[in-house]
Every structure is written in C-alpha cells, then in structure tokens.
Amino acid sequence: MQALSDHLFWDVDRSQVDPDKHGAWLAQRVLEHGRWSDWKLLATYYGKERLGQLVMSLRCIDPRSFAFCCAWSQLPPESFRCHKSLADRIGI
C-alpha cells in the first residue's frame, strides 16, 4: 500500500498502518480524502467484495462518499451501517 497518496497519512505513521488490520480505516480515509487512483488501489488489493464489506461496516461517511459507495457496490442504501445515521443527519 506504499503507492497510496502521501497526504492520506498526515496524522499517522504510515509504516504502522497494516492494510489487513486497518482496512476500514483506510477505506474511509480514501473515500473522504483520497484520489481515484487511491480507490483503484484499494479495489485491486481487497477485491470488490471485501472492499464493499469494509465500506458497508463504516459507522459514518459523508453524503458524497455514501452515494458513491451505493453506486459503486450496486447495493441499496439500507445495506450500509451508516445509512441510519446519515439519514438522520440530512433529514431523509
């Protein structure tokens, strides 16, 4: 995962991030601050099914990232753990 953008690790020691142990953290960081190339790296590393599971498990993501995840995974919004909290925040 050394090819991920440096700016994703502004607050942590990159060498301490284990992609297998910190997959959900990485997915959220890339969704909210990454580039398209970072997302493609995650998709290649984890595979679509595993990456989908990681993003479905996130407690909270911003609305734009949530819409992207629904479209990318082709899953209904209710499949995501963050759906209820996001719906409450944006009033739907």
PDB file of N, CA and C in Angstrom:
ATOM      1  N   MET A   1       0.822  -1.198   0.000  1.00  0.00           N
ATOM      2  CA  MET A   1       0.000   0.000   0.000  1.00  0.00           C
ATOM      3  C   MET A   1       0.863   1.258   0.000  1.00  0.00           C
ATOM      4  N   GLN A   2       2.124   1.090  -0.304  1.00  0.00           N
ATOM      5  CA  GLN A   2       3.027   2.234  -0.358  1.00  0.00           C
ATOM      6  C   GLN A   2       2.663   3.200  -1.480  1.00  0.00           C
ATOM      7  N   ALA A   3       1.895   2.735  -2.459  1.00  0.00           N
ATOM      8  CA  ALA A   3       1.544   3.595  -3.587  1.00  0.00           C
ATOM      9  C   ALA A   3       0.397   4.552  -3.277  1.00  0.00           C
ATOM     10  N   LEU A   4      -0.259   4.401  -2.121  1.00  0.00           N
ATOM     11  CA  LEU A   4      -1.325   5.332  -1.753  1.00  0.00           C
ATOM     12  C   LEU A   4      -0.746   6.729  -1.565  1.00  0.00           C
ATOM     13  N   SER A   5      -1.561   7.731  -1.826  1.00  0.00           N
ATOM     14  CA  SER A   5      -1.125   9.125  -1.726  1.00  0.00           C
ATOM     15  C   SER A   5      -0.607   9.457  -0.329  1.00  0.00           C
ATOM     16  N   ASP A   6       0.488  10.181  -0.281  1.00  0.00           N
ATOM     17  CA  ASP A   6       1.110  10.547   0.994  1.00  0.00           C
ATOM     18  C   ASP A   6       0.179  11.363   1.886  1.00  0.00           C
ATOM     19  N   HIS A   7      -0.650  12.212   1.293  1.00  0.00           N
ATOM     20  CA  HIS A   7      -1.499  13.090   2.106  1.00  0.00           C
ATOM     21  C   HIS A   7      -2.534  12.318   2.933  1.00  0.00           C
ATOM     22  N   LEU A   8      -2.766  11.065   2.618  1.00  0.00           N
ATOM     23  CA  LEU A   8      -3.716  10.259   3.392  1.00  0.00           C
ATOM     24  C   LEU A   8      -3.189   9.929   4.783  1.00  0.00           C
ATOM     25  N   PHE A   9      -1.913  10.102   4.984  1.00  0.00           N
ATOM     26  CA  PHE A   9      -1.266   9.709   6.244  1.00  0.00           C
ATOM     27  C   PHE A   9      -0.722  10.917   6.998  1.00  0.00           C
ATOM     28  N   TRP A  10      -1.396  12.054   6.888  1.00  0.00           N
ATOM     29  CA  TRP A  10      -0.911  13.283   7.506  1.00  0.00           C
ATOM     30  C   TRP A  10      -0.808  13.196   9.024  1.00  0.00           C
ATOM     31  N   ASP A  11      -1.600  12.337   9.639  1.00  0.00           N
ATOM     32  CA  ASP A  11      -1.655  12.312  11.098  1.00  0.00           C
ATOM     33  C   ASP A  11      -1.194  10.993  11.721  1.00  0.00           C
ATOM     34  N   VAL A  12      -0.702  10.090  10.907  1.00  0.00           N
ATOM     35  CA  VAL A  12      -0.259   8.786  11.413  1.00  0.00           C
ATOM     36  C   VAL A  12       1.074   8.404  10.772  1.00  0.00           C
ATOM     37  N   ASP A  13       1.754   7.499  11.416  1.00  0.00           N
ATOM     38  CA  ASP A  13       2.991   6.943  10.857  1.00  0.00           C
ATOM     39  C   ASP A  13       2.590   5.877   9.841  1.00  0.00           C
ATOM     40  N   ARG A  14       2.821   6.164   8.599  1.00  0.00           N
ATOM     41  CA  ARG A  14       2.420   5.272   7.509  1.00  0.00           C
ATOM     42  C   ARG A  14       2.917   3.839   7.707  1.00  0.00           C
ATOM     43  N   SER A  15       4.104   3.690   8.265  1.00  0.00           N
ATOM     44  CA  SER A  15       4.676   2.349   8.437  1.00  0.00           C
ATOM     45  C   SER A  15       3.917   1.518   9.472  1.00  0.00           C
ATOM     46  N   GLN A  16       3.087   2.165  10.291  1.00  0.00           N
ATOM     47  CA  GLN A  16       2.319   1.462  11.318  1.00  0.00           C
ATOM     48  C   GLN A  16       0.929   1.027  10.830  1.00  0.00           C
ATOM     49  N   VAL A  17       0.549   1.433   9.626  1.00  0.00           N
ATOM     50  CA  VAL A  17      -0.769   1.091   9.083  1.00  0.00           C
ATOM     51  C   VAL A  17      -0.688  -0.263   8.398  1.00  0.00           C
ATOM     52  N   ASP A  18      -1.426  -1.211   8.930  1.00  0.00           N
ATOM     53  CA  ASP A  18      -1.498  -2.565   8.380  1.00  0.00           C
ATOM     54  C   ASP A  18      -2.776  -2.656   7.543  1.00  0.00           C
ATOM     55  N   PRO A  19      -2.672  -2.829   6.223  1.00  0.00           N
ATOM     56  CA  PRO A  19      -3.865  -2.835   5.380  1.00  0.00           C
ATOM     57  C   PRO A  19      -4.857  -3.944   5.718  1.00  0.00           C
ATOM     58  N   ASP A  20      -4.393  -5.031   6.291  1.00  0.00           N
ATOM     59  CA  ASP A  20      -5.318  -6.103   6.662  1.00  0.00           C
ATOM     60  C   ASP A  20      -6.020  -5.788   7.978  1.00  0.00           C
ATOM     61  N   LYS A  21      -5.314  -5.197   8.892  1.00  0.00           N
ATOM     62  CA  LYS A  21      -5.873  -4.863  10.202  1.00  0.00           C
ATOM     63  C   LYS A  21      -6.670  -3.553  10.188  1.00  0.00           C
ATOM     64  N   HIS A  22      -6.251  -2.608   9.360  1.00  0.00           N
ATOM     65  CA  HIS A  22      -6.849  -1.273   9.340  1.00  0.00           C
ATOM     66  C   HIS A  22      -7.615  -0.995   8.043  1.00  0.00           C
ATOM     67  N   GLY A  23      -8.207  -2.017   7.467  1.00  0.00           N
ATOM     68  CA  GLY A  23      -8.881  -1.875   6.180  1.00  0.00           C
ATOM     69  C   GLY A  23     -10.017  -0.876   6.181  1.00  0.00           C
ATOM     70  N   ALA A  24     -10.854  -0.902   7.219  1.00  0.00           N
ATOM     71  CA  ALA A  24     -11.985   0.036   7.272  1.00  0.00           C
ATOM     72  C   ALA A  24     -11.479   1.462   7.396  1.00  0.00           C
ATOM     73  N   TRP A  25     -10.451   1.663   8.199  1.00  0.00           N
ATOM     74  CA  TRP A  25      -9.875   2.999   8.353  1.00  0.00           C
ATOM     75  C   TRP A  25      -9.331   3.489   7.011  1.00  0.00           C
ATOM     76  N   LEU A  26      -8.602   2.630   6.318  1.00  0.00           N
ATOM     77  CA  LEU A  26      -8.057   3.004   5.013  1.00  0.00           C
ATOM     78  C   LEU A  26      -9.164   3.339   4.015  1.00  0.00           C
ATOM     79  N   ALA A  27     -10.199   2.509   3.990  1.00  0.00           N
ATOM     80  CA  ALA A  27     -11.303   2.755   3.051  1.00  0.00           C
ATOM     81  C   ALA A  27     -11.949   4.103   3.329  1.00  0.00           C
ATOM     82  N   GLN A  28     -12.199   4.402   4.598  1.00  0.00           N
ATOM     83  CA  GLN A  28     -12.822   5.681   4.928  1.00  0.00           C
ATOM     84  C   GLN A  28     -11.900   6.847   4.584  1.00  0.00           C
ATOM     85  N   ARG A  29     -10.627   6.709   4.882  1.00  0.00           N
ATOM     86  CA  ARG A  29      -9.666   7.773   4.587  1.00  0.00           C
ATOM     87  C   ARG A  29      -9.605   8.032   3.087  1.00  0.00           C
ATOM     88  N   VAL A  30      -9.587   6.973   2.289  1.00  0.00           N
ATOM     89  CA  VAL A  30      -9.536   7.138   0.831  1.00  0.00           C
ATOM     90  C   VAL A  30     -10.843   7.725   0.308  1.00  0.00           C
ATOM     91  N   LEU A  31     -11.973   7.269   0.827  1.00  0.00           N
ATOM     92  CA  LEU A  31     -13.258   7.824   0.392  1.00  0.00           C
ATOM     93  C   LEU A  31     -13.340   9.322   0.638  1.00  0.00           C
ATOM     94  N   GLU A  32     -12.902   9.750   1.792  1.00  0.00           N
ATOM     95  CA  GLU A  32     -13.088  11.140   2.174  1.00  0.00           C
ATOM     96  C   GLU A  32     -11.947  12.066   1.744  1.00  0.00           C
ATOM     97  N   HIS A  33     -10.745  11.518   1.532  1.00  0.00           N
ATOM     98  CA  HIS A  33      -9.611  12.392   1.231  1.00  0.00           C
ATOM     99  C   HIS A  33      -8.747  11.912   0.065  1.00  0.00           C
ATOM    100  N   GLY A  34      -9.067  10.757  -0.479  1.00  0.00           N
ATOM    101  CA  GLY A  34      -8.210  10.170  -1.490  1.00  0.00           C
ATOM    102  C   GLY A  34      -8.521  10.584  -2.907  1.00  0.00           C
ATOM    103  N   ARG A  35      -7.725  10.070  -3.775  1.00  0.00           N
ATOM    104  CA  ARG A  35      -7.877  10.279  -5.217  1.00  0.00           C
ATOM    105  C   ARG A  35      -8.467   9.009  -5.826  1.00  0.00           C
ATOM    106  N   TRP A  36      -8.913   9.143  -7.057  1.00  0.00           N
ATOM    107  CA  TRP A  36      -9.460   7.984  -7.767  1.00  0.00           C
ATOM    108  C   TRP A  36      -8.420   6.868  -7.836  1.00  0.00           C
ATOM    109  N   SER A  37      -7.174   7.227  -8.047  1.00  0.00           N
ATOM    110  CA  SER A  37      -6.108   6.223  -8.119  1.00  0.00           C
ATOM    111  C   SER A  37      -5.958   5.486  -6.780  1.00  0.00           C
ATOM    112  N   ASP A  38      -6.189   6.169  -5.672  1.00  0.00           N
ATOM    113  CA  ASP A  38      -6.131   5.512  -4.359  1.00  0.00           C
ATOM    114  C   ASP A  38      -7.262   4.492  -4.221  1.00  0.00           C
ATOM    115  N   TRP A  39      -8.448   4.872  -4.677  1.00  0.00           N
ATOM    116  CA  TRP A  39      -9.588   3.958  -4.613  1.00  0.00           C
ATOM    117  C   TRP A  39      -9.325   2.714  -5.466  1.00  0.00           C
ATOM    118  N   LYS A  40      -8.778   2.906  -6.654  1.00  0.00           N
ATOM    119  CA  LYS A  40      -8.481   1.773  -7.529  1.00  0.00           C
ATOM    120  C   LYS A  40      -7.450   0.841  -6.898  1.00  0.00           C
ATOM    121  N   LEU A  41      -6.478   1.407  -6.184  1.00  0.00           N
ATOM    122  CA  LEU A  41      -5.503   0.573  -5.471  1.00  0.00           C
ATOM    123  C   LEU A  41      -6.181  -0.276  -4.401  1.00  0.00           C
ATOM    124  N   LEU A  42      -7.087   0.336  -3.645  1.00  0.00           N
ATOM    125  CA  LEU A  42      -7.811  -0.435  -2.628  1.00  0.00           C
ATOM    126  C   LEU A  42      -8.644  -1.535  -3.275  1.00  0.00           C
ATOM    127  N   ALA A  43      -9.323  -1.214  -4.349  1.00  0.00           N
ATOM    128  CA  ALA A  43     -10.158  -2.205  -5.035  1.00  0.00           C
ATOM    129  C   ALA A  43      -9.318  -3.364  -5.561  1.00  0.00           C
ATOM    130  N   THR A  44      -8.131  -3.070  -6.024  1.00  0.00           N
ATOM    131  CA  THR A  44      -7.232  -4.119  -6.504  1.00  0.00           C
ATOM    132  C   THR A  44      -6.726  -4.967  -5.343  1.00  0.00           C
ATOM    133  N   TYR A  45      -6.356  -4.320  -4.260  1.00  0.00           N
ATOM    134  CA  TYR A  45      -5.796  -5.029  -3.106  1.00  0.00           C
ATOM    135  C   TYR A  45      -6.844  -5.913  -2.417  1.00  0.00           C
ATOM    136  N   TYR A  46      -8.012  -5.338  -2.124  1.00  0.00           N
ATOM    137  CA  TYR A  46      -9.034  -6.069  -1.369  1.00  0.00           C
ATOM    138  C   TYR A  46      -9.985  -6.875  -2.251  1.00  0.00           C
ATOM    139  N   GLY A  47     -10.187  -6.444  -3.481  1.00  0.00           N
ATOM    140  CA  GLY A  47     -11.223  -7.026  -4.326  1.00  0.00           C
ATOM    141  C   GLY A  47     -12.537  -6.332  -4.040  1.00  0.00           C
ATOM    142  N   LYS A  48     -13.437  -6.357  -4.998  1.00  0.00           N
ATOM    143  CA  LYS A  48     -14.689  -5.616  -4.864  1.00  0.00           C
ATOM    144  C   LYS A  48     -15.533  -6.109  -3.688  1.00  0.00           C
ATOM    145  N   GLU A  49     -15.624  -7.410  -3.509  1.00  0.00           N
ATOM    146  CA  GLU A  49     -16.466  -7.945  -2.427  1.00  0.00           C
ATOM    147  C   GLU A  49     -15.956  -7.519  -1.055  1.00  0.00           C
ATOM    148  N   ARG A  50     -14.671  -7.683  -0.802  1.00  0.00           N
ATOM    149  CA  ARG A  50     -14.098  -7.333   0.511  1.00  0.00           C
ATOM    150  C   ARG A  50     -14.155  -5.826   0.734  1.00  0.00           C
ATOM    151  N   LEU A  51     -13.834  -5.026  -0.276  1.00  0.00           N
ATOM    152  CA  LEU A  51     -13.901  -3.576  -0.125  1.00  0.00           C
ATOM    153  C   LEU A  51     -15.340  -3.138   0.134  1.00  0.00           C
ATOM    154  N   GLY A  52     -16.288  -3.779  -0.529  1.00  0.00           N
ATOM    155  CA  GLY A  52     -17.701  -3.492  -0.265  1.00  0.00           C
ATOM    156  C   GLY A  52     -18.066  -3.786   1.180  1.00  0.00           C
ATOM    157  N   GLN A  53     -17.584  -4.887   1.713  1.00  0.00           N
ATOM    158  CA  GLN A  53     -17.840  -5.221   3.120  1.00  0.00           C
ATOM    159  C   GLN A  53     -17.241  -4.179   4.053  1.00  0.00           C
ATOM    160  N   LEU A  54     -16.046  -3.728   3.718  1.00  0.00           N
ATOM    161  CA  LEU A  54     -15.400  -2.716   4.556  1.00  0.00           C
ATOM    162  C   LEU A  54     -16.211  -1.424   4.593  1.00  0.00           C
ATOM    163  N   VAL A  55     -16.651  -0.947   3.441  1.00  0.00           N
ATOM    164  CA  VAL A  55     -17.398   0.313   3.435  1.00  0.00           C
ATOM    165  C   VAL A  55     -18.796   0.145   4.016  1.00  0.00           C
ATOM    166  N   MET A  56     -19.378  -1.032   3.874  1.00  0.00           N
ATOM    167  CA  MET A  56     -20.695  -1.258   4.486  1.00  0.00           C
ATOM    168  C   MET A  56     -20.606  -1.235   6.004  1.00  0.00           C
ATOM    169  N   SER A  57     -19.443  -1.523   6.560  1.00  0.00           N
ATOM    170  CA  SER A  57     -19.284  -1.574   8.008  1.00  0.00           C
ATOM    171  C   SER A  57     -18.989  -0.214   8.637  1.00  0.00           C
ATOM    172  N   LEU A  58     -18.727   0.805   7.835  1.00  0.00           N
ATOM    173  CA  LEU A  58     -18.373   2.117   8.381  1.00  0.00           C
ATOM    174  C   LEU A  58     -19.561   2.741   9.114  1.00  0.00           C
ATOM    175  N   ARG A  59     -19.284   3.321  10.257  1.00  0.00           N
ATOM    176  CA  ARG A  59     -20.347   3.943  11.055  1.00  0.00           C
ATOM    177  C   ARG A  59     -20.829   5.255  10.476  1.00  0.00           C
ATOM    178  N   CYS A  60     -19.917   5.980   9.857  1.00  0.00           N
ATOM    179  CA  CYS A  60     -20.279   7.307   9.368  1.00  0.00           C
ATOM    180  C   CYS A  60     -19.371   7.688   8.198  1.00  0.00           C
ATOM    181  N   ILE A  61     -19.981   8.102   7.102  1.00  0.00           N
ATOM    182  CA  ILE A  61     -19.231   8.677   5.984  1.00  0.00           C
ATOM    183  C   ILE A  61     -20.020   9.869   5.464  1.00  0.00           C
ATOM    184  N   ASP A  62     -19.351  10.736   4.760  1.00  0.00           N
ATOM    185  CA  ASP A  62     -20.026  11.924   4.257  1.00  0.00           C
ATOM    186  C   ASP A  62     -21.014  11.527   3.143  1.00  0.00           C
ATOM    187  N   PRO A  63     -22.029  12.352   2.906  1.00  0.00           N
ATOM    188  CA  PRO A  63     -23.070  12.014   1.917  1.00  0.00           C
ATOM    189  C   PRO A  63     -22.543  11.711   0.518  1.00  0.00           C
ATOM    190  N   ARG A  64     -21.547  12.455   0.056  1.00  0.00           N
ATOM    191  CA  ARG A  64     -20.991  12.219  -1.279  1.00  0.00           C
ATOM    192  C   ARG A  64     -20.336  10.848  -1.365  1.00  0.00           C
ATOM    193  N   SER A  65     -19.562  10.495  -0.343  1.00  0.00           N
ATOM    194  CA  SER A  65     -18.911   9.184  -0.313  1.00  0.00           C
ATOM    195  C   SER A  65     -19.948   8.070  -0.226  1.00  0.00           C
ATOM    196  N   PHE A  66     -21.003   8.318   0.543  1.00  0.00           N
ATOM    197  CA  PHE A  66     -22.074   7.330   0.679  1.00  0.00           C
ATOM    198  C   PHE A  66     -22.750   7.072  -0.668  1.00  0.00           C
ATOM    199  N   ALA A  67     -23.063   8.131  -1.394  1.00  0.00           N
ATOM    200  CA  ALA A  67     -23.692   7.977  -2.713  1.00  0.00           C
ATOM    201  C   ALA A  67     -22.769   7.218  -3.663  1.00  0.00           C
ATOM    202  N   PHE A  68     -21.478   7.542  -3.619  1.00  0.00           N
ATOM    203  CA  PHE A  68     -20.514   6.827  -4.451  1.00  0.00           C
ATOM    204  C   PHE A  68     -20.491   5.342  -4.103  1.00  0.00           C
ATOM    205  N   CYS A  69     -20.450   5.021  -2.820  1.00  0.00           N
ATOM    206  CA  CYS A  69     -20.389   3.617  -2.382  1.00  0.00           C
ATOM    207  C   CYS A  69     -21.625   2.835  -2.822  1.00  0.00           C
ATOM    208  N   CYS A  70     -22.787   3.452  -2.721  1.00  0.00           N
ATOM    209  CA  CYS A  70     -24.017   2.786  -3.171  1.00  0.00           C
ATOM    210  C   CYS A  70     -23.954   2.486  -4.664  1.00  0.00           C
ATOM    211  N   ALA A  71     -23.512   3.475  -5.454  1.00  0.00           N
ATOM    212  CA  ALA A  71     -23.424   3.288  -6.905  1.00  0.00           C
ATOM    213  C   ALA A  71     -22.339   2.276  -7.258  1.00  0.00           C
ATOM    214  N   TRP A  72     -21.180   2.393  -6.627  1.00  0.00           N
ATOM    215  CA  TRP A  72     -20.053   1.515  -6.935  1.00  0.00           C
ATOM    216  C   TRP A  72     -20.352   0.068  -6.580  1.00  0.00           C
ATOM    217  N   SER A  73     -20.953  -0.146  -5.419  1.00  0.00           N
ATOM    218  CA  SER A  73     -21.213  -1.517  -4.965  1.00  0.00           C
ATOM    219  C   SER A  73     -22.516  -2.082  -5.521  1.00  0.00           C
ATOM    220  N   GLN A  74     -23.360  -1.202  -6.049  1.00  0.00           N
ATOM    221  CA  GLN A  74     -24.672  -1.581  -6.563  1.00  0.00           C
ATOM    222  C   GLN A  74     -25.523  -2.232  -5.473  1.00  0.00           C
ATOM    223  N   LEU A  75     -25.399  -1.697  -4.257  1.00  0.00           N
ATOM    224  CA  LEU A  75     -26.178  -2.171  -3.115  1.00  0.00           C
ATOM    225  C   LEU A  75     -27.126  -1.068  -2.668  1.00  0.00           C
ATOM    226  N   PRO A  76     -28.273  -1.436  -2.118  1.00  0.00           N
ATOM    227  CA  PRO A  76     -29.205  -0.415  -1.645  1.00  0.00           C
ATOM    228  C   PRO A  76     -28.634   0.307  -0.417  1.00  0.00           C
ATOM    229  N   PRO A  77     -29.028   1.544  -0.212  1.00  0.00           N
ATOM    230  CA  PRO A  77     -28.521   2.320   0.925  1.00  0.00           C
ATOM    231  C   PRO A  77     -28.690   1.620   2.272  1.00  0.00           C
ATOM    232  N   GLU A  78     -29.761   0.865   2.419  1.00  0.00           N
ATOM    233  CA  GLU A  78     -30.036   0.191   3.688  1.00  0.00           C
ATOM    234  C   GLU A  78     -29.002  -0.881   4.021  1.00  0.00           C
ATOM    235  N   SER A  79     -28.188  -1.270   3.057  1.00  0.00           N
ATOM    236  CA  SER A  79     -27.154  -2.277   3.274  1.00  0.00           C
ATOM    237  C   SER A  79     -25.981  -1.738   4.095  1.00  0.00           C
ATOM    238  N   PHE A  80     -25.897  -0.437   4.212  1.00  0.00           N
ATOM    239  CA  PHE A  80     -24.760   0.203   4.864  1.00  0.00           C
ATOM    240  C   PHE A  80     -25.083   0.543   6.312  1.00  0.00           C
ATOM    241  N   ARG A  81     -24.127   0.271   7.167  1.00  0.00           N
ATOM    242  CA  ARG A  81     -24.287   0.543   8.591  1.00  0.00           C
ATOM    243  C   ARG A  81     -24.563   2.025   8.844  1.00  0.00           C
ATOM    244  N   CYS A  82     -23.963   2.889   8.065  1.00  0.00           N
ATOM    245  CA  CYS A  82     -24.092   4.328   8.282  1.00  0.00           C
ATOM    246  C   CYS A  82     -25.405   4.899   7.756  1.00  0.00           C
ATOM    247  N   HIS A  83     -26.219   4.091   7.119  1.00  0.00           N
ATOM    248  CA  HIS A  83     -27.438   4.600   6.480  1.00  0.00           C
ATOM    249  C   HIS A  83     -28.328   5.353   7.455  1.00  0.00           C
ATOM    250  N   LYS A  84     -28.594   4.784   8.606  1.00  0.00           N
ATOM    251  CA  LYS A  84     -29.497   5.412   9.579  1.00  0.00           C
ATOM    252  C   LYS A  84     -28.933   6.733  10.087  1.00  0.00           C
ATOM    253  N   SER A  85     -27.672   6.755  10.466  1.00  0.00           N
ATOM    254  CA  SER A  85     -27.100   7.997  10.993  1.00  0.00           C
ATOM    255  C   SER A  85     -27.031   9.069   9.908  1.00  0.00           C
ATOM    256  N   LEU A  86     -26.735   8.678   8.686  1.00  0.00           N
ATOM    257  CA  LEU A  86     -26.681   9.623   7.588  1.00  0.00           C
ATOM    258  C   LEU A  86     -28.078  10.158   7.290  1.00  0.00           C
ATOM    259  N   ALA A  87     -29.067   9.298   7.277  1.00  0.00           N
ATOM    260  CA  ALA A  87     -30.439   9.726   7.027  1.00  0.00           C
ATOM    261  C   ALA A  87     -30.892  10.716   8.087  1.00  0.00           C
ATOM    262  N   ASP A  88     -30.522  10.468   9.335  1.00  0.00           N
ATOM    263  CA  ASP A  88     -30.869  11.388  10.419  1.00  0.00           C
ATOM    264  C   ASP A  88     -30.179  12.742  10.245  1.00  0.00           C
ATOM    265  N   ARG A  89     -28.911  12.712   9.837  1.00  0.00           N
ATOM    266  CA  ARG A  89     -28.154  13.966   9.687  1.00  0.00           C
ATOM    267  C   ARG A  89     -28.660  14.837   8.562  1.00  0.00           C
ATOM    268  N   ILE A  90     -29.079  14.221   7.439  1.00  0.00           N
ATOM    269  CA  ILE A  90     -29.507  15.033   6.301  1.00  0.00           C
ATOM    270  C   ILE A  90     -31.021  15.140   6.180  1.00  0.00           C
ATOM    271  N   GLY A  91     -31.723  14.518   7.123  1.00  0.00           N
ATOM    272  CA  GLY A  91     -33.169  14.691   7.191  1.00  0.00           C
ATOM    273  C   GLY A  91     -33.983  13.927   6.163  1.00  0.00           C
ATOM    274  N   ILE A  92     -33.578  12.685   5.881  1.00  0.00           N
ATOM    275  CA  ILE A  92     -34.400  11.881   4.955  1.00  0.00           C
ATOM    276  C   ILE A  92     -34.983  10.700   5.686  1.00  0.00           C
TER     277      ILE A  92
END
